[in-house]
Amino acid sequence: MAKQLTSAEFDKVITEAKVPVLVDCYADWCGPCKMMSPVVDKMAALFAGQVEVYKLNVDEDGDAVRAFNVFSIPNFLLFKDGALAAQRVGAMRPEDFEAFIREML
């Protein structure tokens, strides 16, 4: 299952990670975000030990991702070695989401 991430922890989590980090930027009111939530949790289990998976509520902690132009959600940020390596916006099929993550491994 994906872990919750806050603005206070964001920089430390991203810069100190030993593996790529996927951040699911979402909001509780967002239908496509709700649709992707179980897919994100499935990917967290599938890639356990290879990718750290976090969820960040943009209504509560949006300042953490403002620099990455997160204006639409769901928005998926994939960090590698402390830097943004890839970004996808919108809901997607589970197999496409898995392929997006695999590209960074």
Protein backbone atom coordinates (compact mmCIF):
# COMPACT_ATOMS: atom_id res chain seq x y z
CA MET A 1 0.00 0.00 0.00
CA ALA A 2 1.18 3.52 -0.78
CA LYS A 3 2.28 5.70 2.13
CA GLN A 4 0.90 9.17 2.80
CA LEU A 5 3.37 12.01 2.16
CA THR A 6 3.26 15.57 3.49
CA SER A 7 4.99 18.78 2.47
CA ALA A 8 7.14 18.60 5.60
CA GLU A 9 8.62 15.24 4.58
CA PHE A 10 8.67 15.70 0.82
CA ASP A 11 12.23 16.92 0.23
CA LYS A 12 13.76 14.43 2.64
CA VAL A 13 11.88 11.47 1.15
CA ILE A 14 12.83 12.40 -2.41
CA THR A 15 16.50 13.19 -1.79
CA GLU A 16 17.28 10.34 0.62
CA ALA A 17 15.53 7.52 -1.28
CA LYS A 18 17.74 4.64 -2.36
CA VAL A 19 15.25 3.59 -5.04
CA PRO A 20 12.98 5.57 -7.41
CA VAL A 21 10.05 7.35 -5.74
CA LEU A 22 6.57 7.57 -7.23
CA VAL A 23 4.34 10.34 -5.88
CA ASP A 24 0.61 10.18 -6.62
CA CYS A 25 -0.71 13.76 -6.40
CA TYR A 26 -4.43 13.49 -5.68
CA ALA A 27 -7.44 15.08 -3.97
CA ASP A 28 -10.26 13.36 -2.10
CA TRP A 29 -12.92 14.94 -4.33
CA CYS A 30 -11.27 13.85 -7.60
CA GLY A 31 -13.09 11.00 -9.39
CA PRO A 32 -10.16 9.89 -11.57
CA CYS A 33 -7.92 10.01 -8.47
CA LYS A 34 -10.30 7.66 -6.66
CA MET A 35 -10.27 5.37 -9.69
CA MET A 36 -6.46 5.24 -9.70
CA SER A 37 -6.05 4.75 -5.94
CA PRO A 38 -6.35 0.92 -5.96
CA VAL A 39 -4.05 0.79 -9.00
CA VAL A 40 -1.44 2.87 -7.16
CA ASP A 41 -1.70 0.54 -4.16
CA LYS A 42 -1.33 -2.49 -6.44
CA MET A 43 1.83 -0.97 -7.96
CA ALA A 44 3.20 -0.29 -4.47
CA ALA A 45 2.86 -4.01 -3.73
CA LEU A 46 4.13 -5.13 -7.15
CA PHE A 47 7.25 -2.94 -6.99
CA ALA A 48 7.93 -3.30 -3.25
CA GLY A 49 11.65 -2.89 -2.63
CA GLN A 50 12.19 -1.43 -6.11
CA VAL A 51 10.10 1.76 -5.92
CA GLU A 52 8.81 3.74 -2.95
CA VAL A 53 5.20 4.76 -3.56
CA TYR A 54 3.58 7.75 -1.85
CA LYS A 55 0.29 9.64 -2.07
CA LEU A 56 0.24 13.40 -1.59
CA ASN A 57 -3.05 15.25 -1.08
CA VAL A 58 -2.70 18.46 -3.11
CA ASP A 59 -5.46 20.20 -1.14
CA GLU A 60 -3.47 19.77 2.07
CA ASP A 61 0.14 19.66 0.85
CA GLY A 62 0.12 21.10 -2.66
CA ASP A 63 2.98 23.50 -1.94
CA ALA A 64 5.39 20.55 -2.01
CA VAL A 65 4.75 19.90 -5.71
CA ARG A 66 4.02 23.38 -7.03
CA ALA A 67 7.52 23.56 -8.57
CA PHE A 68 6.62 20.53 -10.73
CA ASN A 69 3.62 22.27 -12.34
CA VAL A 70 1.00 20.03 -10.79
CA PHE A 71 -2.13 21.80 -12.01
CA SER A 72 -4.21 18.77 -12.99
CA ILE A 73 -4.81 15.58 -11.06
CA PRO A 74 -4.22 12.76 -10.79
CA ASN A 75 -0.62 13.65 -11.46
CA PHE A 76 2.13 11.09 -11.07
CA LEU A 77 5.70 12.23 -10.39
CA LEU A 78 8.52 9.71 -10.65
CA PHE A 79 11.81 10.71 -9.04
CA LYS A 80 15.13 8.98 -9.54
CA ASP A 81 18.32 9.95 -7.71
CA GLY A 82 16.49 12.90 -6.13
CA ALA A 83 15.40 14.48 -9.43
CA LEU A 84 12.16 14.37 -11.40
CA ALA A 85 12.64 11.69 -14.05
CA ALA A 86 9.10 11.39 -15.47
CA GLN A 87 5.61 12.80 -15.03
CA ARG A 88 2.18 11.65 -16.21
CA VAL A 89 -1.16 13.38 -15.83
CA GLY A 90 -4.55 11.69 -15.72
CA ALA A 91 -5.97 8.26 -15.15
CA MET A 92 -4.55 5.41 -17.19
CA ARG A 93 -5.01 1.71 -17.68
CA PRO A 94 -3.20 -0.41 -15.06
CA GLU A 95 -0.90 -1.94 -17.67
CA ASP A 96 0.07 1.52 -18.96
CA PHE A 97 0.72 2.70 -15.42
CA GLU A 98 2.93 -0.34 -14.78
CA ALA A 99 4.85 0.33 -18.01
CA PHE A 100 5.36 3.96 -16.95
CA ILE A 101 6.99 2.77 -13.71
CA ARG A 102 9.04 0.03 -15.39
CA GLU A 103 10.62 2.61 -17.71
CA MET A 104 12.46 4.05 -14.69
CA LEU A 105 13.85 0.79 -13.34
